[in-house]
PDB file of all heavy atoms in Angstrom:
ATOM      1  N   THR A   1      34.775  30.381  25.779  1.00  0.00           N
ATOM      2  CA  THR A   1      34.458  28.978  25.633  1.00  0.00           C
ATOM      3  C   THR A   1      33.362  28.760  24.678  1.00  0.00           C
ATOM      4  O   THR A   1      32.422  29.551  24.542  1.00  0.00           O
ATOM      5  CB  THR A   1      34.071  28.276  26.962  1.00  0.00           C
ATOM      6  OG1 THR A   1      32.934  28.880  27.504  1.00  0.00           O
ATOM      7  CG2 THR A   1      35.187  28.306  27.912  1.00  0.00           C
ATOM      8  N   VAL A   2      33.412  27.671  23.917  1.00  0.00           N
ATOM      9  CA  VAL A   2      32.354  27.342  22.912  1.00  0.00           C
ATOM     10  C   VAL A   2      32.043  25.833  23.085  1.00  0.00           C
ATOM     11  O   VAL A   2      32.962  25.003  23.277  1.00  0.00           O
ATOM     12  CB  VAL A   2      32.768  27.527  21.530  1.00  0.00           C
ATOM     13  CG1 VAL A   2      31.680  27.204  20.534  1.00  0.00           C
ATOM     14  CG2 VAL A   2      33.197  28.990  21.267  1.00  0.00           C
ATOM     15  N   ASN A   3      30.759  25.511  23.258  1.00  0.00           N
ATOM     16  CA  ASN A   3      30.304  24.123  23.338  1.00  0.00           C
ATOM     17  C   ASN A   3      30.668  23.406  22.032  1.00  0.00           C
ATOM     18  O   ASN A   3      30.416  23.843  20.916  1.00  0.00           O
ATOM     19  CB  ASN A   3      28.770  24.097  23.473  1.00  0.00           C
ATOM     20  CG  ASN A   3      28.176  22.841  23.809  1.00  0.00           C
ATOM     21  OD1 ASN A   3      28.647  21.727  23.267  1.00  0.00           O
ATOM     22  ND2 ASN A   3      27.201  22.744  24.691  1.00  0.00           N
ATOM     23  N   LYS A   4      31.293  22.244  22.233  1.00  0.00           N
ATOM     24  CA  LYS A   4      31.636  21.460  21.074  1.00  0.00           C
ATOM     25  C   LYS A   4      30.537  21.006  20.145  1.00  0.00           C
ATOM     26  O   LYS A   4      30.759  20.725  18.938  1.00  0.00           O
ATOM     27  CB  LYS A   4      32.569  20.198  21.554  1.00  0.00           C
ATOM     28  CG  LYS A   4      33.913  20.607  22.061  1.00  0.00           C
ATOM     29  CD  LYS A   4      34.605  19.349  22.498  1.00  0.00           C
ATOM     30  CE  LYS A   4      35.953  19.615  23.099  1.00  0.00           C
ATOM     31  NZ  LYS A   4      36.573  18.414  23.629  1.00  0.00           N
ATOM     32  N   ALA A   5      29.339  20.870  20.708  1.00  0.00           N
ATOM     33  CA  ALA A   5      28.175  20.472  20.007  1.00  0.00           C
ATOM     34  C   ALA A   5      27.617  21.553  19.075  1.00  0.00           C
ATOM     35  O   ALA A   5      26.840  21.322  18.193  1.00  0.00           O
ATOM     36  CB  ALA A   5      27.111  20.061  20.906  1.00  0.00           C
ATOM     37  N   ASN A   6      28.068  22.852  19.310  1.00  0.00           N
ATOM     38  CA  ASN A   6      27.662  24.012  18.530  1.00  0.00           C
ATOM     39  C   ASN A   6      28.456  24.042  17.213  1.00  0.00           C
ATOM     40  O   ASN A   6      29.701  23.869  17.268  1.00  0.00           O
ATOM     41  CB  ASN A   6      27.842  25.254  19.347  1.00  0.00           C
ATOM     42  CG  ASN A   6      27.163  26.411  18.801  1.00  0.00           C
ATOM     43  OD1 ASN A   6      27.301  26.728  17.617  1.00  0.00           O
ATOM     44  ND2 ASN A   6      26.469  27.181  19.662  1.00  0.00           N
ATOM     45  N   MET A   7      27.768  24.279  16.079  1.00  0.00           N
ATOM     46  CA  MET A   7      28.505  24.426  14.848  1.00  0.00           C
ATOM     47  C   MET A   7      29.517  25.553  14.825  1.00  0.00           C
ATOM     48  O   MET A   7      30.458  25.528  14.113  1.00  0.00           O
ATOM     49  CB  MET A   7      27.454  24.665  13.667  1.00  0.00           C
ATOM     50  CG  MET A   7      26.685  23.413  13.336  1.00  0.00           C
ATOM     51  SD  MET A   7      25.608  23.658  11.901  1.00  0.00           S
ATOM     52  CE  MET A   7      24.189  24.186  12.725  1.00  0.00           C
ATOM     53  N   THR A   8      29.340  26.529  15.651  1.00  0.00           N
ATOM     54  CA  THR A   8      30.360  27.607  15.741  1.00  0.00           C
ATOM     55  C   THR A   8      31.699  27.084  16.143  1.00  0.00           C
ATOM     56  O   THR A   8      32.705  27.601  15.703  1.00  0.00           O
ATOM     57  CB  THR A   8      29.826  28.696  16.766  1.00  0.00           C
ATOM     58  OG1 THR A   8      28.545  29.170  16.333  1.00  0.00           O
ATOM     59  CG2 THR A   8      30.745  29.854  16.885  1.00  0.00           C
ATOM     60  N   HIS A   9      31.701  26.072  17.024  1.00  0.00           N
ATOM     61  CA  HIS A   9      32.967  25.539  17.543  1.00  0.00           C
ATOM     62  C   HIS A   9      33.847  25.134  16.428  1.00  0.00           C
ATOM     63  O   HIS A   9      35.023  25.428  16.321  1.00  0.00           O
ATOM     64  CB  HIS A   9      32.608  24.378  18.445  1.00  0.00           C
ATOM     65  CG  HIS A   9      33.781  23.692  18.938  1.00  0.00           C
ATOM     66  ND1 HIS A   9      34.527  22.704  18.272  1.00  0.00           N
ATOM     67  CD2 HIS A   9      34.620  23.868  20.053  1.00  0.00           C
ATOM     68  CE1 HIS A   9      35.524  22.254  19.025  1.00  0.00           C
ATOM     69  NE2 HIS A   9      35.555  22.912  20.130  1.00  0.00           N
ATOM     70  N   ASP A  10      33.259  24.290  15.433  1.00  0.00           N
ATOM     71  CA  ASP A  10      34.041  23.833  14.324  1.00  0.00           C
ATOM     72  C   ASP A  10      34.501  24.933  13.453  1.00  0.00           C
ATOM     73  O   ASP A  10      35.595  24.888  12.838  1.00  0.00           O
ATOM     74  CB  ASP A  10      33.277  22.787  13.518  1.00  0.00           C
ATOM     75  CG  ASP A  10      32.890  21.581  14.328  1.00  0.00           C
ATOM     76  OD1 ASP A  10      33.685  21.263  15.288  1.00  0.00           O
ATOM     77  OD2 ASP A  10      31.916  20.889  14.024  1.00  0.00           O
ATOM     78  N   MET A  11      33.688  25.994  13.257  1.00  0.00           N
ATOM     79  CA  MET A  11      34.037  27.027  12.417  1.00  0.00           C
ATOM     80  C   MET A  11      35.158  27.849  12.972  1.00  0.00           C
ATOM     81  O   MET A  11      36.177  28.269  12.265  1.00  0.00           O
ATOM     82  CB  MET A  11      32.858  28.013  12.170  1.00  0.00           C
ATOM     83  CG  MET A  11      33.123  29.104  11.193  1.00  0.00           C
ATOM     84  SD  MET A  11      31.664  30.274  11.094  1.00  0.00           S
ATOM     85  CE  MET A  11      31.898  31.078  12.689  1.00  0.00           C
ATOM     86  N   VAL A  12      35.214  28.053  14.306  1.00  0.00           N
ATOM     87  CA  VAL A  12      36.309  28.796  14.941  1.00  0.00           C
ATOM     88  C   VAL A  12      37.554  27.950  14.806  1.00  0.00           C
ATOM     89  O   VAL A  12      38.642  28.547  14.550  1.00  0.00           O
ATOM     90  CB  VAL A  12      35.896  29.112  16.372  1.00  0.00           C
ATOM     91  CG1 VAL A  12      37.139  29.659  17.171  1.00  0.00           C
ATOM     92  CG2 VAL A  12      34.824  30.093  16.525  1.00  0.00           C
ATOM     93  N   LEU A  13      37.522  26.682  15.073  1.00  0.00           N
ATOM     94  CA  LEU A  13      38.661  25.825  14.916  1.00  0.00           C
ATOM     95  C   LEU A  13      39.275  25.848  13.561  1.00  0.00           C
ATOM     96  O   LEU A  13      40.525  25.896  13.369  1.00  0.00           O
ATOM     97  CB  LEU A  13      38.363  24.329  15.361  1.00  0.00           C
ATOM     98  CG  LEU A  13      38.486  23.972  16.817  1.00  0.00           C
ATOM     99  CD1 LEU A  13      38.140  22.494  16.985  1.00  0.00           C
ATOM    100  CD2 LEU A  13      39.824  24.265  17.422  1.00  0.00           C
ATOM    101  N   LYS A  14      38.391  25.784  12.559  1.00  0.00           N
ATOM    102  CA  LYS A  14      38.805  25.659  11.137  1.00  0.00           C
ATOM    103  C   LYS A  14      39.424  26.951  10.692  1.00  0.00           C
ATOM    104  O   LYS A  14      40.485  26.972  10.026  1.00  0.00           O
ATOM    105  CB  LYS A  14      37.645  25.202  10.312  1.00  0.00           C
ATOM    106  CG  LYS A  14      37.978  25.112   8.839  1.00  0.00           C
ATOM    107  CD  LYS A  14      36.745  24.667   8.025  1.00  0.00           C
ATOM    108  CE  LYS A  14      37.008  24.573   6.576  1.00  0.00           C
ATOM    109  NZ  LYS A  14      35.846  24.211   5.774  1.00  0.00           N
ATOM    110  N   THR A  15      38.791  28.067  10.987  1.00  0.00           N
ATOM    111  CA  THR A  15      39.209  29.321  10.426  1.00  0.00           C
ATOM    112  C   THR A  15      40.317  29.991  11.309  1.00  0.00           C
ATOM    113  O   THR A  15      41.077  30.899  10.775  1.00  0.00           O
ATOM    114  CB  THR A  15      38.070  30.312  10.300  1.00  0.00           C
ATOM    115  OG1 THR A  15      37.503  30.644  11.595  1.00  0.00           O
ATOM    116  CG2 THR A  15      36.998  29.795   9.373  1.00  0.00           C
ATOM    117  N   GLY A  16      40.311  29.701  12.621  1.00  0.00           N
ATOM    118  CA  GLY A  16      41.268  30.367  13.452  1.00  0.00           C
ATOM    119  C   GLY A  16      40.866  31.822  13.913  1.00  0.00           C
ATOM    120  O   GLY A  16      41.661  32.562  14.472  1.00  0.00           O
ATOM    121  N   ILE A  17      39.631  32.140  13.562  1.00  0.00           N
ATOM    122  CA  ILE A  17      39.163  33.553  13.914  1.00  0.00           C
ATOM    123  C   ILE A  17      37.809  33.413  14.588  1.00  0.00           C
ATOM    124  O   ILE A  17      37.149  32.442  14.441  1.00  0.00           O
ATOM    125  CB  ILE A  17      38.996  34.431  12.692  1.00  0.00           C
ATOM    126  CG1 ILE A  17      38.062  33.907  11.651  1.00  0.00           C
ATOM    127  CG2 ILE A  17      40.360  34.772  12.093  1.00  0.00           C
ATOM    128  CD1 ILE A  17      37.681  34.844  10.513  1.00  0.00           C
ATOM    129  N   PHE A  18      37.405  34.393  15.347  1.00  0.00           N
ATOM    130  CA  PHE A  18      36.118  34.438  15.965  1.00  0.00           C
ATOM    131  C   PHE A  18      35.494  35.805  15.740  1.00  0.00           C
ATOM    132  O   PHE A  18      36.238  36.785  15.568  1.00  0.00           O
ATOM    133  CB  PHE A  18      36.159  34.078  17.475  1.00  0.00           C
ATOM    134  CG  PHE A  18      36.526  35.277  18.295  1.00  0.00           C
ATOM    135  CD1 PHE A  18      35.640  36.092  18.839  1.00  0.00           C
ATOM    136  CD2 PHE A  18      37.961  35.462  18.519  1.00  0.00           C
ATOM    137  CE1 PHE A  18      35.980  37.130  19.646  1.00  0.00           C
ATOM    138  CE2 PHE A  18      38.343  36.589  19.348  1.00  0.00           C
ATOM    139  CZ  PHE A  18      37.337  37.424  19.970  1.00  0.00           C
ATOM    140  N   ASN A  19      34.225  35.847  15.719  1.00  0.00           N
ATOM    141  CA  ASN A  19      33.518  37.108  15.545  1.00  0.00           C
ATOM    142  C   ASN A  19      32.292  37.059  16.474  1.00  0.00           C
ATOM    143  O   ASN A  19      31.630  36.067  16.565  1.00  0.00           O
ATOM    144  CB  ASN A  19      33.003  37.242  14.086  1.00  0.00           C
ATOM    145  CG  ASN A  19      34.122  37.333  13.153  1.00  0.00           C
ATOM    146  OD1 ASN A  19      34.709  38.356  12.941  1.00  0.00           O
ATOM    147  ND2 ASN A  19      34.378  36.229  12.505  1.00  0.00           N
ATOM    148  N   LEU A  20      32.141  38.077  17.175  1.00  0.00           N
ATOM    149  CA  LEU A  20      31.062  38.138  18.266  1.00  0.00           C
ATOM    150  C   LEU A  20      30.310  39.442  18.129  1.00  0.00           C
ATOM    151  O   LEU A  20      30.903  40.487  18.128  1.00  0.00           O
ATOM    152  CB  LEU A  20      31.747  37.999  19.649  1.00  0.00           C
ATOM    153  CG  LEU A  20      30.794  37.971  20.839  1.00  0.00           C
ATOM    154  CD1 LEU A  20      29.845  36.861  20.901  1.00  0.00           C
ATOM    155  CD2 LEU A  20      31.655  38.141  22.186  1.00  0.00           C
ATOM    156  N   SER A  21      28.953  39.238  18.097  1.00  0.00           N
ATOM    157  CA  SER A  21      28.071  40.418  18.060  1.00  0.00           C
ATOM    158  C   SER A  21      27.351  40.434  19.407  1.00  0.00           C
ATOM    159  O   SER A  21      26.787  39.472  19.853  1.00  0.00           O
ATOM    160  CB  SER A  21      27.016  40.290  17.008  1.00  0.00           C
ATOM    161  OG  SER A  21      27.584  40.257  15.717  1.00  0.00           O
ATOM    162  N   ILE A  22      27.501  41.561  20.165  1.00  0.00           N
ATOM    163  CA  ILE A  22      26.850  41.685  21.489  1.00  0.00           C
ATOM    164  C   ILE A  22      25.602  42.386  21.253  1.00  0.00           C
ATOM    165  O   ILE A  22      25.549  43.535  20.889  1.00  0.00           O
ATOM    166  CB  ILE A  22      27.776  42.457  22.426  1.00  0.00           C
ATOM    167  CG1 ILE A  22      29.130  41.748  22.538  1.00  0.00           C
ATOM    168  CG2 ILE A  22      27.165  42.587  23.775  1.00  0.00           C
ATOM    169  CD1 ILE A  22      30.300  42.505  23.190  1.00  0.00           C
ATOM    170  N   LEU A  23      24.482  41.665  21.494  1.00  0.00           N
ATOM    171  CA  LEU A  23      23.121  42.240  21.222  1.00  0.00           C
ATOM    172  C   LEU A  23      22.698  43.161  22.478  1.00  0.00           C
ATOM    173  O   LEU A  23      23.243  43.078  23.511  1.00  0.00           O
ATOM    174  CB  LEU A  23      22.122  41.122  21.046  1.00  0.00           C
ATOM    175  CG  LEU A  23      22.351  40.222  19.829  1.00  0.00           C
ATOM    176  CD1 LEU A  23      21.444  39.057  19.757  1.00  0.00           C
ATOM    177  CD2 LEU A  23      22.303  41.041  18.567  1.00  0.00           C
ATOM    178  N   THR A  24      21.745  43.978  22.183  1.00  0.00           N
ATOM    179  CA  THR A  24      21.159  44.927  23.147  1.00  0.00           C
ATOM    180  C   THR A  24      19.922  44.351  23.761  1.00  0.00           C
ATOM    181  O   THR A  24      19.336  43.446  23.184  1.00  0.00           O
ATOM    182  CB  THR A  24      20.894  46.319  22.507  1.00  0.00           C
ATOM    183  OG1 THR A  24      19.773  46.189  21.649  1.00  0.00           O
ATOM    184  CG2 THR A  24      22.085  46.839  21.843  1.00  0.00           C
ATOM    185  N   GLU A  25      19.535  44.987  24.836  1.00  0.00           N
ATOM    186  CA  GLU A  25      18.212  44.565  25.486  1.00  0.00           C
ATOM    187  C   GLU A  25      17.039  44.844  24.532  1.00  0.00           C
ATOM    188  O   GLU A  25      16.000  44.256  24.739  1.00  0.00           O
ATOM    189  CB  GLU A  25      18.076  45.420  26.795  1.00  0.00           C
ATOM    190  CG  GLU A  25      18.981  45.006  27.922  1.00  0.00           C
ATOM    191  CD  GLU A  25      18.760  45.742  29.204  1.00  0.00           C
ATOM    192  OE1 GLU A  25      17.982  46.591  29.188  1.00  0.00           O
ATOM    193  OE2 GLU A  25      19.494  45.393  30.106  1.00  0.00           O
ATOM    194  N   ALA A  26      17.232  45.764  23.564  1.00  0.00           N
ATOM    195  CA  ALA A  26      16.144  46.087  22.582  1.00  0.00           C
ATOM    196  C   ALA A  26      15.937  45.096  21.547  1.00  0.00           C
ATOM    197  O   ALA A  26      15.068  45.149  20.720  1.00  0.00           O
ATOM    198  CB  ALA A  26      16.388  47.505  21.963  1.00  0.00           C
ATOM    199  N   SER A  27      16.897  44.039  21.443  1.00  0.00           N
ATOM    200  CA  SER A  27      16.783  43.103  20.331  1.00  0.00           C
ATOM    201  C   SER A  27      15.567  42.252  20.461  1.00  0.00           C
ATOM    202  O   SER A  27      15.121  41.886  21.548  1.00  0.00           O
ATOM    203  CB  SER A  27      18.026  42.168  20.436  1.00  0.00           C
ATOM    204  OG  SER A  27      19.198  42.891  20.315  1.00  0.00           O
ATOM    205  N   LYS A  28      14.977  42.068  19.350  1.00  0.00           N
ATOM    206  CA  LYS A  28      13.810  41.187  19.278  1.00  0.00           C
ATOM    207  C   LYS A  28      14.100  39.763  19.201  1.00  0.00           C
ATOM    208  O   LYS A  28      15.203  39.386  18.806  1.00  0.00           O
ATOM    209  CB  LYS A  28      12.914  41.573  18.079  1.00  0.00           C
ATOM    210  CG  LYS A  28      12.506  43.044  17.960  1.00  0.00           C
ATOM    211  CD  LYS A  28      11.393  43.306  19.005  1.00  0.00           C
ATOM    212  CE  LYS A  28      10.888  44.691  18.786  1.00  0.00           C
ATOM    213  NZ  LYS A  28      11.442  45.632  19.741  1.00  0.00           N
ATOM    214  N   PHE A  29      13.201  38.843  19.571  1.00  0.00           N
ATOM    215  CA  PHE A  29      13.442  37.421  19.586  1.00  0.00           C
ATOM    216  C   PHE A  29      13.795  36.951  18.188  1.00  0.00           C
ATOM    217  O   PHE A  29      14.697  35.962  18.039  1.00  0.00           O
ATOM    218  CB  PHE A  29      12.214  36.623  20.110  1.00  0.00           C
ATOM    219  CG  PHE A  29      12.493  35.162  20.308  1.00  0.00           C
ATOM    220  CD1 PHE A  29      13.393  34.665  21.253  1.00  0.00           C
ATOM    221  CD2 PHE A  29      11.863  34.274  19.485  1.00  0.00           C
ATOM    222  CE1 PHE A  29      13.759  33.391  21.347  1.00  0.00           C
ATOM    223  CE2 PHE A  29      12.196  32.915  19.597  1.00  0.00           C
ATOM    224  CZ  PHE A  29      13.057  32.464  20.546  1.00  0.00           C
ATOM    225  N   ASP A  30      13.213  37.443  17.154  1.00  0.00           N
ATOM    226  CA  ASP A  30      13.550  36.940  15.827  1.00  0.00           C
ATOM    227  C   ASP A  30      14.979  37.152  15.426  1.00  0.00           C
ATOM    228  O   ASP A  30      15.564  36.396  14.630  1.00  0.00           O
ATOM    229  CB  ASP A  30      12.614  37.554  14.720  1.00  0.00           C
ATOM    230  CG  ASP A  30      12.971  39.004  14.329  1.00  0.00           C
ATOM    231  OD1 ASP A  30      13.087  39.825  15.273  1.00  0.00           O
ATOM    232  OD2 ASP A  30      13.114  39.327  13.124  1.00  0.00           O
ATOM    233  N   VAL A  31      15.684  38.207  16.034  1.00  0.00           N
ATOM    234  CA  VAL A  31      17.132  38.361  15.818  1.00  0.00           C
ATOM    235  C   VAL A  31      17.847  37.163  16.451  1.00  0.00           C
ATOM    236  O   VAL A  31      18.793  36.680  15.757  1.00  0.00           O
ATOM    237  CB  VAL A  31      17.611  39.725  16.406  1.00  0.00           C
ATOM    238  CG1 VAL A  31      19.080  39.802  16.301  1.00  0.00           C
ATOM    239  CG2 VAL A  31      16.937  40.890  15.704  1.00  0.00           C
ATOM    240  N   TYR A  32      17.445  36.709  17.612  1.00  0.00           N
ATOM    241  CA  TYR A  32      18.122  35.517  18.156  1.00  0.00           C
ATOM    242  C   TYR A  32      17.860  34.321  17.366  1.00  0.00           C
ATOM    243  O   TYR A  32      18.762  33.529  17.287  1.00  0.00           O
ATOM    244  CB  TYR A  32      17.603  35.382  19.682  1.00  0.00           C
ATOM    245  CG  TYR A  32      18.022  36.361  20.588  1.00  0.00           C
ATOM    246  CD1 TYR A  32      17.321  37.532  20.793  1.00  0.00           C
ATOM    247  CD2 TYR A  32      19.192  36.228  21.285  1.00  0.00           C
ATOM    248  CE1 TYR A  32      17.787  38.491  21.686  1.00  0.00           C
ATOM    249  CE2 TYR A  32      19.719  37.167  22.215  1.00  0.00           C
ATOM    250  CZ  TYR A  32      18.959  38.308  22.281  1.00  0.00           C
ATOM    251  OH  TYR A  32      19.382  39.240  23.207  1.00  0.00           O
ATOM    252  N   GLN A  33      16.681  34.173  16.851  1.00  0.00           N
ATOM    253  CA  GLN A  33      16.374  32.977  16.036  1.00  0.00           C
ATOM    254  C   GLN A  33      17.198  32.963  14.756  1.00  0.00           C
ATOM    255  O   GLN A  33      17.714  31.992  14.371  1.00  0.00           O
ATOM    256  CB  GLN A  33      14.873  32.971  15.641  1.00  0.00           C
ATOM    257  CG  GLN A  33      13.925  32.623  16.742  1.00  0.00           C
ATOM    258  CD  GLN A  33      12.487  32.621  16.292  1.00  0.00           C
ATOM    259  OE1 GLN A  33      12.005  33.568  15.791  1.00  0.00           O
ATOM    260  NE2 GLN A  33      11.895  31.439  16.414  1.00  0.00           N
ATOM    261  N   ARG A  34      17.440  34.159  14.165  1.00  0.00           N
ATOM    262  CA  ARG A  34      18.121  34.192  12.896  1.00  0.00           C
ATOM    263  C   ARG A  34      19.645  34.237  13.023  1.00  0.00           C
ATOM    264  O   ARG A  34      20.363  33.734  12.192  1.00  0.00           O
ATOM    265  CB  ARG A  34      17.720  35.428  12.055  1.00  0.00           C
ATOM    266  CG  ARG A  34      16.264  35.377  11.652  1.00  0.00           C
ATOM    267  CD  ARG A  34      15.846  36.553  10.985  1.00  0.00           C
ATOM    268  NE  ARG A  34      16.426  36.536   9.577  1.00  0.00           N
ATOM    269  CZ  ARG A  34      15.840  37.217   8.571  1.00  0.00           C
ATOM    270  NH1 ARG A  34      14.748  37.939   8.734  1.00  0.00           N
ATOM    271  NH2 ARG A  34      16.454  37.141   7.411  1.00  0.00           N
ATOM    272  N   PHE A  35      20.105  34.782  14.202  1.00  0.00           N
ATOM    273  CA  PHE A  35      21.553  34.898  14.348  1.00  0.00           C
ATOM    274  C   PHE A  35      22.094  34.117  15.440  1.00  0.00           C
ATOM    275  O   PHE A  35      23.294  33.698  15.423  1.00  0.00           O
ATOM    276  CB  PHE A  35      21.942  36.410  14.529  1.00  0.00           C
ATOM    277  CG  PHE A  35      21.607  37.238  13.288  1.00  0.00           C
ATOM    278  CD1 PHE A  35      20.353  37.803  13.190  1.00  0.00           C
ATOM    279  CD2 PHE A  35      22.473  37.361  12.236  1.00  0.00           C
ATOM    280  CE1 PHE A  35      19.999  38.593  12.038  1.00  0.00           C
ATOM    281  CE2 PHE A  35      22.195  38.103  11.088  1.00  0.00           C
ATOM    282  CZ  PHE A  35      20.876  38.732  11.028  1.00  0.00           C
ATOM    283  N   GLY A  36      21.314  33.950  16.534  1.00  0.00           N
ATOM    284  CA  GLY A  36      21.926  33.310  17.685  1.00  0.00           C
ATOM    285  C   GLY A  36      21.616  31.755  17.801  1.00  0.00           C
ATOM    286  O   GLY A  36      22.291  31.076  18.513  1.00  0.00           O
TER     287      GLY A  36
END
C-alpha cells in the first residue's frame, strides 16, 4: 500500500512499476533523509 499523499503514489500509478530498497539496521539517518 502507498499513501496517496506521497509523491511515490503518483509515480507508481503513472509508470506501472515499483522499486523498493530495503534498508539495513546499519543505515544512517542521512540515508533516510535523502532516499526515504
